[in-house]
Amino acid sequence: APVKDLLGPLRERAGFRRRFPGSAAYNP
C-alpha cells in the first residue's frame, strides 16, 4: 500500500491519471 501511494502522485504529475468512468481520477 505505501508503494502504491507513493506512485500515485507521480503518475498524476506525469499525466497518467486514469480517466475511465468509475475510476477515482475520472472527471467528466
mmCIF file of all heavy atoms, coordinates in Angstrom:
data_MODEL
# 
_entry.id   MODEL 
# 
loop_
_atom_site.group_PDB 
_atom_site.id 
_atom_site.type_symbol 
_atom_site.label_atom_id 
_atom_site.label_alt_id 
_atom_site.label_comp_id 
_atom_site.label_asym_id 
_atom_site.label_entity_id 
_atom_site.label_seq_id 
_atom_site.pdbx_PDB_ins_code 
_atom_site.Cartn_x 
_atom_site.Cartn_y 
_atom_site.Cartn_z 
_atom_site.occupancy 
_atom_site.B_iso_or_equiv 
_atom_site.pdbx_formal_charge 
_atom_site.auth_seq_id 
_atom_site.auth_comp_id 
_atom_site.auth_asym_id 
_atom_site.auth_atom_id 
_atom_site.pdbx_PDB_model_num 
ATOM 1   N N   . ALA A 1 1  ? 0.824   -1.214 0.000   1.00 0.00 ? 1  ALA A N   1 
ATOM 2   C CA  . ALA A 1 1  ? 0.000   0.000  0.000   1.00 0.00 ? 1  ALA A CA  1 
ATOM 3   C C   . ALA A 1 1  ? 0.851   1.253  0.000   1.00 0.00 ? 1  ALA A C   1 
ATOM 4   O O   . ALA A 1 1  ? 0.630   2.169  -0.780  1.00 0.00 ? 1  ALA A O   1 
ATOM 5   C CB  . ALA A 1 1  ? -0.954  -0.015 1.195   1.00 0.00 ? 1  ALA A CB  1 
ATOM 6   N N   . PRO A 1 2  ? 1.867   1.352  0.822   1.00 0.00 ? 2  PRO A N   1 
ATOM 7   C CA  . PRO A 1 2  ? 2.713   2.550  0.791   1.00 0.00 ? 2  PRO A CA  1 
ATOM 8   C C   . PRO A 1 2  ? 3.378   2.772  -0.558  1.00 0.00 ? 2  PRO A C   1 
ATOM 9   O O   . PRO A 1 2  ? 3.485   3.899  -1.025  1.00 0.00 ? 2  PRO A O   1 
ATOM 10  C CB  . PRO A 1 2  ? 3.747   2.278  1.891   1.00 0.00 ? 2  PRO A CB  1 
ATOM 11  C CG  . PRO A 1 2  ? 3.059   1.360  2.814   1.00 0.00 ? 2  PRO A CG  1 
ATOM 12  C CD  . PRO A 1 2  ? 2.205   0.488  1.966   1.00 0.00 ? 2  PRO A CD  1 
ATOM 13  N N   . VAL A 1 3  ? 3.850   1.703  -1.221  1.00 0.00 ? 3  VAL A N   1 
ATOM 14  C CA  . VAL A 1 3  ? 4.459   1.858  -2.549  1.00 0.00 ? 3  VAL A CA  1 
ATOM 15  C C   . VAL A 1 3  ? 3.448   2.397  -3.538  1.00 0.00 ? 3  VAL A C   1 
ATOM 16  O O   . VAL A 1 3  ? 3.730   3.276  -4.343  1.00 0.00 ? 3  VAL A O   1 
ATOM 17  C CB  . VAL A 1 3  ? 5.042   0.516  -3.025  1.00 0.00 ? 3  VAL A CB  1 
ATOM 18  C CG1 . VAL A 1 3  ? 5.474   0.617  -4.481  1.00 0.00 ? 3  VAL A CG1 1 
ATOM 19  C CG2 . VAL A 1 3  ? 6.211   0.118  -2.153  1.00 0.00 ? 3  VAL A CG2 1 
ATOM 20  N N   . LYS A 1 4  ? 2.202   1.866  -3.502  1.00 0.00 ? 4  LYS A N   1 
ATOM 21  C CA  . LYS A 1 4  ? 1.154   2.327  -4.411  1.00 0.00 ? 4  LYS A CA  1 
ATOM 22  C C   . LYS A 1 4  ? 0.840   3.796  -4.169  1.00 0.00 ? 4  LYS A C   1 
ATOM 23  O O   . LYS A 1 4  ? 0.632   4.575  -5.094  1.00 0.00 ? 4  LYS A O   1 
ATOM 24  C CB  . LYS A 1 4  ? -0.077  1.467  -4.225  1.00 0.00 ? 4  LYS A CB  1 
ATOM 25  C CG  . LYS A 1 4  ? -1.199  1.818  -5.174  1.00 0.00 ? 4  LYS A CG  1 
ATOM 26  C CD  . LYS A 1 4  ? -2.369  0.874  -4.979  1.00 0.00 ? 4  LYS A CD  1 
ATOM 27  C CE  . LYS A 1 4  ? -3.486  1.229  -5.962  1.00 0.00 ? 4  LYS A CE  1 
ATOM 28  N NZ  . LYS A 1 4  ? -4.654  0.329  -5.809  1.00 0.00 ? 4  LYS A NZ  1 
ATOM 29  N N   . ASP A 1 5  ? 0.805   4.141  -2.868  1.00 0.00 ? 5  ASP A N   1 
ATOM 30  C CA  . ASP A 1 5  ? 0.516   5.534  -2.544  1.00 0.00 ? 5  ASP A CA  1 
ATOM 31  C C   . ASP A 1 5  ? 1.621   6.463  -3.033  1.00 0.00 ? 5  ASP A C   1 
ATOM 32  O O   . ASP A 1 5  ? 1.378   7.606  -3.419  1.00 0.00 ? 5  ASP A O   1 
ATOM 33  C CB  . ASP A 1 5  ? 0.359   5.695  -1.028  1.00 0.00 ? 5  ASP A CB  1 
ATOM 34  C CG  . ASP A 1 5  ? -0.916  5.019  -0.536  1.00 0.00 ? 5  ASP A CG  1 
ATOM 35  O OD1 . ASP A 1 5  ? -1.793  4.815  -1.393  1.00 0.00 ? 5  ASP A OD1 1 
ATOM 36  O OD2 . ASP A 1 5  ? -1.002  4.719  0.674   1.00 0.00 ? 5  ASP A OD2 1 
ATOM 37  N N   . LEU A 1 6  ? 2.831   5.984  -3.018  1.00 0.00 ? 6  LEU A N   1 
ATOM 38  C CA  . LEU A 1 6  ? 3.935   6.804  -3.498  1.00 0.00 ? 6  LEU A CA  1 
ATOM 39  C C   . LEU A 1 6  ? 3.909   6.989  -5.008  1.00 0.00 ? 6  LEU A C   1 
ATOM 40  O O   . LEU A 1 6  ? 4.261   8.040  -5.541  1.00 0.00 ? 6  LEU A O   1 
ATOM 41  C CB  . LEU A 1 6  ? 5.278   6.178  -3.078  1.00 0.00 ? 6  LEU A CB  1 
ATOM 42  C CG  . LEU A 1 6  ? 5.612   6.247  -1.588  1.00 0.00 ? 6  LEU A CG  1 
ATOM 43  C CD1 . LEU A 1 6  ? 6.865   5.439  -1.304  1.00 0.00 ? 6  LEU A CD1 1 
ATOM 44  C CD2 . LEU A 1 6  ? 5.790   7.703  -1.160  1.00 0.00 ? 6  LEU A CD2 1 
ATOM 45  N N   . LEU A 1 7  ? 3.516   5.952  -5.729  1.00 0.00 ? 7  LEU A N   1 
ATOM 46  C CA  . LEU A 1 7  ? 3.479   6.024  -7.205  1.00 0.00 ? 7  LEU A CA  1 
ATOM 47  C C   . LEU A 1 7  ? 2.310   6.848  -7.720  1.00 0.00 ? 7  LEU A C   1 
ATOM 48  O O   . LEU A 1 7  ? 2.361   7.421  -8.808  1.00 0.00 ? 7  LEU A O   1 
ATOM 49  C CB  . LEU A 1 7  ? 3.400   4.603  -7.792  1.00 0.00 ? 7  LEU A CB  1 
ATOM 50  C CG  . LEU A 1 7  ? 4.642   3.735  -7.616  1.00 0.00 ? 7  LEU A CG  1 
ATOM 51  C CD1 . LEU A 1 7  ? 4.400   2.347  -8.195  1.00 0.00 ? 7  LEU A CD1 1 
ATOM 52  C CD2 . LEU A 1 7  ? 5.850   4.391  -8.275  1.00 0.00 ? 7  LEU A CD2 1 
ATOM 53  N N   . GLY A 1 8  ? 1.222   6.896  -6.913  1.00 0.00 ? 8  GLY A N   1 
ATOM 54  C CA  . GLY A 1 8  ? 0.037   7.632  -7.377  1.00 0.00 ? 8  GLY A CA  1 
ATOM 55  C C   . GLY A 1 8  ? 0.319   9.080  -7.735  1.00 0.00 ? 8  GLY A C   1 
ATOM 56  O O   . GLY A 1 8  ? 0.041   9.535  -8.855  1.00 0.00 ? 8  GLY A O   1 
ATOM 57  N N   . PRO A 1 9  ? 0.882   9.855  -6.843  1.00 0.00 ? 9  PRO A N   1 
ATOM 58  C CA  . PRO A 1 9  ? 1.188   11.264 -7.163  1.00 0.00 ? 9  PRO A CA  1 
ATOM 59  C C   . PRO A 1 9  ? 2.130   11.415 -8.346  1.00 0.00 ? 9  PRO A C   1 
ATOM 60  O O   . PRO A 1 9  ? 2.031   12.355 -9.131  1.00 0.00 ? 9  PRO A O   1 
ATOM 61  C CB  . PRO A 1 9  ? 1.821   11.792 -5.875  1.00 0.00 ? 9  PRO A CB  1 
ATOM 62  C CG  . PRO A 1 9  ? 1.304   10.883 -4.811  1.00 0.00 ? 9  PRO A CG  1 
ATOM 63  C CD  . PRO A 1 9  ? 1.184   9.530  -5.436  1.00 0.00 ? 9  PRO A CD  1 
ATOM 64  N N   . LEU A 1 10 ? 3.070   10.473 -8.469  1.00 0.00 ? 10 LEU A N   1 
ATOM 65  C CA  . LEU A 1 10 ? 3.991   10.554 -9.595  1.00 0.00 ? 10 LEU A CA  1 
ATOM 66  C C   . LEU A 1 10 ? 3.261   10.378 -10.920 1.00 0.00 ? 10 LEU A C   1 
ATOM 67  O O   . LEU A 1 10 ? 3.545   11.048 -11.909 1.00 0.00 ? 10 LEU A O   1 
ATOM 68  C CB  . LEU A 1 10 ? 5.091   9.486  -9.449  1.00 0.00 ? 10 LEU A CB  1 
ATOM 69  C CG  . LEU A 1 10 ? 6.048   9.689  -8.273  1.00 0.00 ? 10 LEU A CG  1 
ATOM 70  C CD1 . LEU A 1 10 ? 7.023   8.519  -8.193  1.00 0.00 ? 10 LEU A CD1 1 
ATOM 71  C CD2 . LEU A 1 10 ? 6.798   11.004 -8.423  1.00 0.00 ? 10 LEU A CD2 1 
ATOM 72  N N   . ARG A 1 11 ? 2.329   9.399  -10.914 1.00 0.00 ? 11 ARG A N   1 
ATOM 73  C CA  . ARG A 1 11 ? 1.558   9.187  -12.142 1.00 0.00 ? 11 ARG A CA  1 
ATOM 74  C C   . ARG A 1 11 ? 0.699   10.401 -12.487 1.00 0.00 ? 11 ARG A C   1 
ATOM 75  O O   . ARG A 1 11 ? 0.584   10.795 -13.641 1.00 0.00 ? 11 ARG A O   1 
ATOM 76  C CB  . ARG A 1 11 ? 0.679   7.955  -11.974 1.00 0.00 ? 11 ARG A CB  1 
ATOM 77  C CG  . ARG A 1 11 ? 1.437   6.632  -12.001 1.00 0.00 ? 11 ARG A CG  1 
ATOM 78  C CD  . ARG A 1 11 ? 0.520   5.485  -11.680 1.00 0.00 ? 11 ARG A CD  1 
ATOM 79  N NE  . ARG A 1 11 ? 1.220   4.216  -11.764 1.00 0.00 ? 11 ARG A NE  1 
ATOM 80  C CZ  . ARG A 1 11 ? 0.698   3.052  -11.412 1.00 0.00 ? 11 ARG A CZ  1 
ATOM 81  N NH1 . ARG A 1 11 ? -0.532  3.032  -10.891 1.00 0.00 ? 11 ARG A NH1 1 
ATOM 82  N NH2 . ARG A 1 11 ? 1.392   1.937  -11.529 1.00 0.00 ? 11 ARG A NH2 1 
ATOM 83  N N   . GLU A 1 12 ? 0.086   10.970 -11.451 1.00 0.00 ? 12 GLU A N   1 
ATOM 84  C CA  . GLU A 1 12 ? -0.748  12.142 -11.714 1.00 0.00 ? 12 GLU A CA  1 
ATOM 85  C C   . GLU A 1 12 ? 0.097   13.296 -12.233 1.00 0.00 ? 12 GLU A C   1 
ATOM 86  O O   . GLU A 1 12 ? -0.293  14.010 -13.154 1.00 0.00 ? 12 GLU A O   1 
ATOM 87  C CB  . GLU A 1 12 ? -1.460  12.548 -10.422 1.00 0.00 ? 12 GLU A CB  1 
ATOM 88  C CG  . GLU A 1 12 ? -2.540  11.563 -9.998  1.00 0.00 ? 12 GLU A CG  1 
ATOM 89  C CD  . GLU A 1 12 ? -3.249  12.009 -8.734  1.00 0.00 ? 12 GLU A CD  1 
ATOM 90  O OE1 . GLU A 1 12 ? -2.905  13.128 -8.253  1.00 0.00 ? 12 GLU A OE1 1 
ATOM 91  O OE2 . GLU A 1 12 ? -4.101  11.281 -8.254  1.00 0.00 ? 12 GLU A OE2 1 
ATOM 92  N N   . ARG A 1 13 ? 1.271   13.482 -11.655 1.00 0.00 ? 13 ARG A N   1 
ATOM 93  C CA  . ARG A 1 13 ? 2.144   14.575 -12.097 1.00 0.00 ? 13 ARG A CA  1 
ATOM 94  C C   . ARG A 1 13 ? 2.634   14.356 -13.525 1.00 0.00 ? 13 ARG A C   1 
ATOM 95  O O   . ARG A 1 13 ? 2.830   15.284 -14.278 1.00 0.00 ? 13 ARG A O   1 
ATOM 96  C CB  . ARG A 1 13 ? 3.339   14.694 -11.163 1.00 0.00 ? 13 ARG A CB  1 
ATOM 97  C CG  . ARG A 1 13 ? 4.225   15.910 -11.437 1.00 0.00 ? 13 ARG A CG  1 
ATOM 98  C CD  . ARG A 1 13 ? 5.273   16.060 -10.384 1.00 0.00 ? 13 ARG A CD  1 
ATOM 99  N NE  . ARG A 1 13 ? 4.654   16.284 -9.057  1.00 0.00 ? 13 ARG A NE  1 
ATOM 100 C CZ  . ARG A 1 13 ? 5.355   16.419 -7.937  1.00 0.00 ? 13 ARG A CZ  1 
ATOM 101 N NH1 . ARG A 1 13 ? 6.690   16.340 -7.968  1.00 0.00 ? 13 ARG A NH1 1 
ATOM 102 N NH2 . ARG A 1 13 ? 4.749   16.628 -6.779  1.00 0.00 ? 13 ARG A NH2 1 
ATOM 103 N N   . ALA A 1 14 ? 2.834   13.096 -13.892 1.00 0.00 ? 14 ALA A N   1 
ATOM 104 C CA  . ALA A 1 14 ? 3.316   12.788 -15.244 1.00 0.00 ? 14 ALA A CA  1 
ATOM 105 C C   . ALA A 1 14 ? 2.193   12.757 -16.264 1.00 0.00 ? 14 ALA A C   1 
ATOM 106 O O   . ALA A 1 14 ? 2.445   12.532 -17.443 1.00 0.00 ? 14 ALA A O   1 
ATOM 107 C CB  . ALA A 1 14 ? 4.035   11.437 -15.238 1.00 0.00 ? 14 ALA A CB  1 
ATOM 108 N N   . GLY A 1 15 ? 0.966   12.946 -15.820 1.00 0.00 ? 15 GLY A N   1 
ATOM 109 C CA  . GLY A 1 15 ? -0.140  12.990 -16.765 1.00 0.00 ? 15 GLY A CA  1 
ATOM 110 C C   . GLY A 1 15 ? -0.732  11.659 -17.083 1.00 0.00 ? 15 GLY A C   1 
ATOM 111 O O   . GLY A 1 15 ? -1.393  11.492 -18.105 1.00 0.00 ? 15 GLY A O   1 
ATOM 112 N N   . PHE A 1 16 ? -0.531  10.668 -16.172 1.00 0.00 ? 16 PHE A N   1 
ATOM 113 C CA  . PHE A 1 16 ? -1.063  9.335  -16.442 1.00 0.00 ? 16 PHE A CA  1 
ATOM 114 C C   . PHE A 1 16 ? -2.310  9.041  -15.623 1.00 0.00 ? 16 PHE A C   1 
ATOM 115 O O   . PHE A 1 16 ? -2.624  7.899  -15.346 1.00 0.00 ? 16 PHE A O   1 
ATOM 116 C CB  . PHE A 1 16 ? 0.013   8.259  -16.114 1.00 0.00 ? 16 PHE A CB  1 
ATOM 117 C CG  . PHE A 1 16 ? 1.155   8.303  -17.051 1.00 0.00 ? 16 PHE A CG  1 
ATOM 118 C CD1 . PHE A 1 16 ? 2.357   8.864  -16.649 1.00 0.00 ? 16 PHE A CD1 1 
ATOM 119 C CD2 . PHE A 1 16 ? 1.028   7.786  -18.331 1.00 0.00 ? 16 PHE A CD2 1 
ATOM 120 C CE1 . PHE A 1 16 ? 3.431   8.896  -17.519 1.00 0.00 ? 16 PHE A CE1 1 
ATOM 121 C CE2 . PHE A 1 16 ? 2.095   7.810  -19.186 1.00 0.00 ? 16 PHE A CE2 1 
ATOM 122 C CZ  . PHE A 1 16 ? 3.303   8.377  -18.793 1.00 0.00 ? 16 PHE A CZ  1 
ATOM 123 N N   . ARG A 1 17 ? -3.027  10.052 -15.205 1.00 0.00 ? 17 ARG A N   1 
ATOM 124 C CA  . ARG A 1 17 ? -4.240  9.797  -14.432 1.00 0.00 ? 17 ARG A CA  1 
ATOM 125 C C   . ARG A 1 17 ? -5.258  9.087  -15.290 1.00 0.00 ? 17 ARG A C   1 
ATOM 126 O O   . ARG A 1 17 ? -5.469  9.449  -16.440 1.00 0.00 ? 17 ARG A O   1 
ATOM 127 C CB  . ARG A 1 17 ? -4.823  11.121 -13.928 1.00 0.00 ? 17 ARG A CB  1 
ATOM 128 C CG  . ARG A 1 17 ? -3.902  11.833 -12.949 1.00 0.00 ? 17 ARG A CG  1 
ATOM 129 C CD  . ARG A 1 17 ? -4.624  12.888 -12.152 1.00 0.00 ? 17 ARG A CD  1 
ATOM 130 N NE  . ARG A 1 17 ? -5.574  13.624 -12.993 1.00 0.00 ? 17 ARG A NE  1 
ATOM 131 C CZ  . ARG A 1 17 ? -6.388  14.549 -12.509 1.00 0.00 ? 17 ARG A CZ  1 
ATOM 132 N NH1 . ARG A 1 17 ? -6.376  14.820 -11.226 1.00 0.00 ? 17 ARG A NH1 1 
ATOM 133 N NH2 . ARG A 1 17 ? -7.206  15.182 -13.300 1.00 0.00 ? 17 ARG A NH2 1 
ATOM 134 N N   . ARG A 1 18 ? -5.867  8.125  -14.711 1.00 0.00 ? 18 ARG A N   1 
ATOM 135 C CA  . ARG A 1 18 ? -6.890  7.367  -15.447 1.00 0.00 ? 18 ARG A CA  1 
ATOM 136 C C   . ARG A 1 18 ? -8.167  8.187  -15.473 1.00 0.00 ? 18 ARG A C   1 
ATOM 137 O O   . ARG A 1 18 ? -8.585  8.764  -14.480 1.00 0.00 ? 18 ARG A O   1 
ATOM 138 C CB  . ARG A 1 18 ? -7.128  6.014  -14.770 1.00 0.00 ? 18 ARG A CB  1 
ATOM 139 C CG  . ARG A 1 18 ? -5.899  5.124  -14.723 1.00 0.00 ? 18 ARG A CG  1 
ATOM 140 C CD  . ARG A 1 18 ? -6.212  3.835  -14.002 1.00 0.00 ? 18 ARG A CD  1 
ATOM 141 N NE  . ARG A 1 18 ? -7.213  3.088  -14.726 1.00 0.00 ? 18 ARG A NE  1 
ATOM 142 C CZ  . ARG A 1 18 ? -7.844  2.020  -14.220 1.00 0.00 ? 18 ARG A CZ  1 
ATOM 143 N NH1 . ARG A 1 18 ? -7.601  1.647  -12.991 1.00 0.00 ? 18 ARG A NH1 1 
ATOM 144 N NH2 . ARG A 1 18 ? -8.723  1.375  -14.967 1.00 0.00 ? 18 ARG A NH2 1 
ATOM 145 N N   . ARG A 1 19 ? -8.755  8.209  -16.629 1.00 0.00 ? 19 ARG A N   1 
ATOM 146 C CA  . ARG A 1 19 ? -9.979  8.987  -16.775 1.00 0.00 ? 19 ARG A CA  1 
ATOM 147 C C   . ARG A 1 19 ? -11.135 8.098  -17.222 1.00 0.00 ? 19 ARG A C   1 
ATOM 148 O O   . ARG A 1 19 ? -11.978 8.490  -18.018 1.00 0.00 ? 19 ARG A O   1 
ATOM 149 C CB  . ARG A 1 19 ? -9.758  10.101 -17.801 1.00 0.00 ? 19 ARG A CB  1 
ATOM 150 C CG  . ARG A 1 19 ? -8.696  11.109 -17.373 1.00 0.00 ? 19 ARG A CG  1 
ATOM 151 C CD  . ARG A 1 19 ? -8.626  12.262 -18.343 1.00 0.00 ? 19 ARG A CD  1 
ATOM 152 N NE  . ARG A 1 19 ? -7.659  13.258 -17.895 1.00 0.00 ? 19 ARG A NE  1 
ATOM 153 C CZ  . ARG A 1 19 ? -6.391  13.255 -18.208 1.00 0.00 ? 19 ARG A CZ  1 
ATOM 154 N NH1 . ARG A 1 19 ? -5.917  12.287 -18.945 1.00 0.00 ? 19 ARG A NH1 1 
ATOM 155 N NH2 . ARG A 1 19 ? -5.586  14.200 -17.767 1.00 0.00 ? 19 ARG A NH2 1 
ATOM 156 N N   . PHE A 1 20 ? -11.078 6.894  -16.789 1.00 0.00 ? 20 PHE A N   1 
ATOM 157 C CA  . PHE A 1 20 ? -12.148 5.966  -17.147 1.00 0.00 ? 20 PHE A CA  1 
ATOM 158 C C   . PHE A 1 20 ? -13.300 6.121  -16.167 1.00 0.00 ? 20 PHE A C   1 
ATOM 159 O O   . PHE A 1 20 ? -13.084 6.341  -14.974 1.00 0.00 ? 20 PHE A O   1 
ATOM 160 C CB  . PHE A 1 20 ? -11.633 4.518  -17.128 1.00 0.00 ? 20 PHE A CB  1 
ATOM 161 C CG  . PHE A 1 20 ? -10.490 4.301  -18.057 1.00 0.00 ? 20 PHE A CG  1 
ATOM 162 C CD1 . PHE A 1 20 ? -9.204  4.116  -17.554 1.00 0.00 ? 20 PHE A CD1 1 
ATOM 163 C CD2 . PHE A 1 20 ? -10.688 4.304  -19.429 1.00 0.00 ? 20 PHE A CD2 1 
ATOM 164 C CE1 . PHE A 1 20 ? -8.152  3.932  -18.403 1.00 0.00 ? 20 PHE A CE1 1 
ATOM 165 C CE2 . PHE A 1 20 ? -9.629  4.109  -20.272 1.00 0.00 ? 20 PHE A CE2 1 
ATOM 166 C CZ  . PHE A 1 20 ? -8.354  3.926  -19.776 1.00 0.00 ? 20 PHE A CZ  1 
ATOM 167 N N   . PRO A 1 21 ? -14.534 6.020  -16.647 1.00 0.00 ? 21 PRO A N   1 
ATOM 168 C CA  . PRO A 1 21 ? -15.672 6.089  -15.733 1.00 0.00 ? 21 PRO A CA  1 
ATOM 169 C C   . PRO A 1 21 ? -15.525 5.059  -14.633 1.00 0.00 ? 21 PRO A C   1 
ATOM 170 O O   . PRO A 1 21 ? -15.157 3.906  -14.874 1.00 0.00 ? 21 PRO A O   1 
ATOM 171 C CB  . PRO A 1 21 ? -16.850 5.768  -16.649 1.00 0.00 ? 21 PRO A CB  1 
ATOM 172 C CG  . PRO A 1 21 ? -16.386 6.182  -18.001 1.00 0.00 ? 21 PRO A CG  1 
ATOM 173 C CD  . PRO A 1 21 ? -14.929 5.868  -18.029 1.00 0.00 ? 21 PRO A CD  1 
ATOM 174 N N   . GLY A 1 22 ? -15.815 5.465  -13.436 1.00 0.00 ? 22 GLY A N   1 
ATOM 175 C CA  . GLY A 1 22 ? -15.706 4.568  -12.285 1.00 0.00 ? 22 GLY A CA  1 
ATOM 176 C C   . GLY A 1 22 ? -14.392 4.672  -11.572 1.00 0.00 ? 22 GLY A C   1 
ATOM 177 O O   . GLY A 1 22 ? -14.251 4.188  -10.450 1.00 0.00 ? 22 GLY A O   1 
ATOM 178 N N   . SER A 1 23 ? -13.358 5.271  -12.188 1.00 0.00 ? 23 SER A N   1 
ATOM 179 C CA  . SER A 1 23 ? -12.066 5.410  -11.528 1.00 0.00 ? 23 SER A CA  1 
ATOM 180 C C   . SER A 1 23 ? -12.095 6.628  -10.624 1.00 0.00 ? 23 SER A C   1 
ATOM 181 O O   . SER A 1 23 ? -12.861 7.565  -10.837 1.00 0.00 ? 23 SER A O   1 
ATOM 182 C CB  . SER A 1 23 ? -10.937 5.535  -12.546 1.00 0.00 ? 23 SER A CB  1 
ATOM 183 O OG  . SER A 1 23 ? -11.077 6.737  -13.260 1.00 0.00 ? 23 SER A OG  1 
ATOM 184 N N   . ALA A 1 24 ? -11.238 6.652  -9.681  1.00 0.00 ? 24 ALA A N   1 
ATOM 185 C CA  . ALA A 1 24 ? -11.231 7.755  -8.722  1.00 0.00 ? 24 ALA A CA  1 
ATOM 186 C C   . ALA A 1 24 ? -10.805 9.065  -9.360  1.00 0.00 ? 24 ALA A C   1 
ATOM 187 O O   . ALA A 1 24 ? -11.207 10.137 -8.930  1.00 0.00 ? 24 ALA A O   1 
ATOM 188 C CB  . ALA A 1 24 ? -10.287 7.394  -7.563  1.00 0.00 ? 24 ALA A CB  1 
ATOM 189 N N   . ALA A 1 25 ? -9.934  8.990  -10.435 1.00 0.00 ? 25 ALA A N   1 
ATOM 190 C CA  . ALA A 1 25 ? -9.406  10.198 -11.079 1.00 0.00 ? 25 ALA A CA  1 
ATOM 191 C C   . ALA A 1 25 ? -10.299 10.711 -12.204 1.00 0.00 ? 25 ALA A C   1 
ATOM 192 O O   . ALA A 1 25 ? -9.995  11.706 -12.834 1.00 0.00 ? 25 ALA A O   1 
ATOM 193 C CB  . ALA A 1 25 ? -8.000  9.916  -11.618 1.00 0.00 ? 25 ALA A CB  1 
ATOM 194 N N   . TYR A 1 26 ? -11.367 10.038 -12.556 1.00 0.00 ? 26 TYR A N   1 
ATOM 195 C CA  . TYR A 1 26 ? -12.228 10.427 -13.689 1.00 0.00 ? 26 TYR A CA  1 
ATOM 196 C C   . TYR A 1 26 ? -12.971 11.710 -13.367 1.00 0.00 ? 26 TYR A C   1 
ATOM 197 O O   . TYR A 1 26 ? -13.611 11.833 -12.320 1.00 0.00 ? 26 TYR A O   1 
ATOM 198 C CB  . TYR A 1 26 ? -13.204 9.309  -14.006 1.00 0.00 ? 26 TYR A CB  1 
ATOM 199 C CG  . TYR A 1 26 ? -14.129 9.658  -15.150 1.00 0.00 ? 26 TYR A CG  1 
ATOM 200 C CD1 . TYR A 1 26 ? -13.637 9.744  -16.441 1.00 0.00 ? 26 TYR A CD1 1 
ATOM 201 C CD2 . TYR A 1 26 ? -15.485 9.899  -14.907 1.00 0.00 ? 26 TYR A CD2 1 
ATOM 202 C CE1 . TYR A 1 26 ? -14.486 10.065 -17.489 1.00 0.00 ? 26 TYR A CE1 1 
ATOM 203 C CE2 . TYR A 1 26 ? -16.331 10.210 -15.953 1.00 0.00 ? 26 TYR A CE2 1 
ATOM 204 C CZ  . TYR A 1 26 ? -15.827 10.296 -17.243 1.00 0.00 ? 26 TYR A CZ  1 
ATOM 205 O OH  . TYR A 1 26 ? -16.657 10.611 -18.276 1.00 0.00 ? 26 TYR A OH  1 
ATOM 206 N N   . ASN A 1 27 ? -12.857 12.695 -14.313 1.00 0.00 ? 27 ASN A N   1 
ATOM 207 C CA  . ASN A 1 27 ? -13.537 13.986 -14.153 1.00 0.00 ? 27 ASN A CA  1 
ATOM 208 C C   . ASN A 1 27 ? -14.287 14.290 -15.434 1.00 0.00 ? 27 ASN A C   1 
ATOM 209 O O   . ASN A 1 27 ? -13.689 14.732 -16.415 1.00 0.00 ? 27 ASN A O   1 
ATOM 210 C CB  . ASN A 1 27 ? -12.516 15.087 -13.861 1.00 0.00 ? 27 ASN A CB  1 
ATOM 211 C CG  . ASN A 1 27 ? -13.183 16.409 -13.498 1.00 0.00 ? 27 ASN A CG  1 
ATOM 212 O OD1 . ASN A 1 27 ? -14.300 16.682 -13.895 1.00 0.00 ? 27 ASN A OD1 1 
ATOM 213 N ND2 . ASN A 1 27 ? -12.453 17.225 -12.734 1.00 0.00 ? 27 ASN A ND2 1 
ATOM 214 N N   . PRO A 1 28 ? -15.586 14.046 -15.494 1.00 0.00 ? 28 PRO A N   1 
ATOM 215 C CA  . PRO A 1 28 ? -16.331 14.253 -16.751 1.00 0.00 ? 28 PRO A CA  1 
ATOM 216 C C   . PRO A 1 28 ? -16.319 15.693 -17.227 1.00 0.00 ? 28 PRO A C   1 
ATOM 217 O O   . PRO A 1 28 ? -16.294 15.972 -18.417 1.00 0.00 ? 28 PRO A O   1 
ATOM 218 C CB  . PRO A 1 28 ? -17.745 13.790 -16.380 1.00 0.00 ? 28 PRO A CB  1 
ATOM 219 C CG  . PRO A 1 28 ? -17.814 13.862 -14.885 1.00 0.00 ? 28 PRO A CG  1 
ATOM 220 C CD  . PRO A 1 28 ? -16.428 13.566 -14.398 1.00 0.00 ? 28 PRO A CD  1 
# 
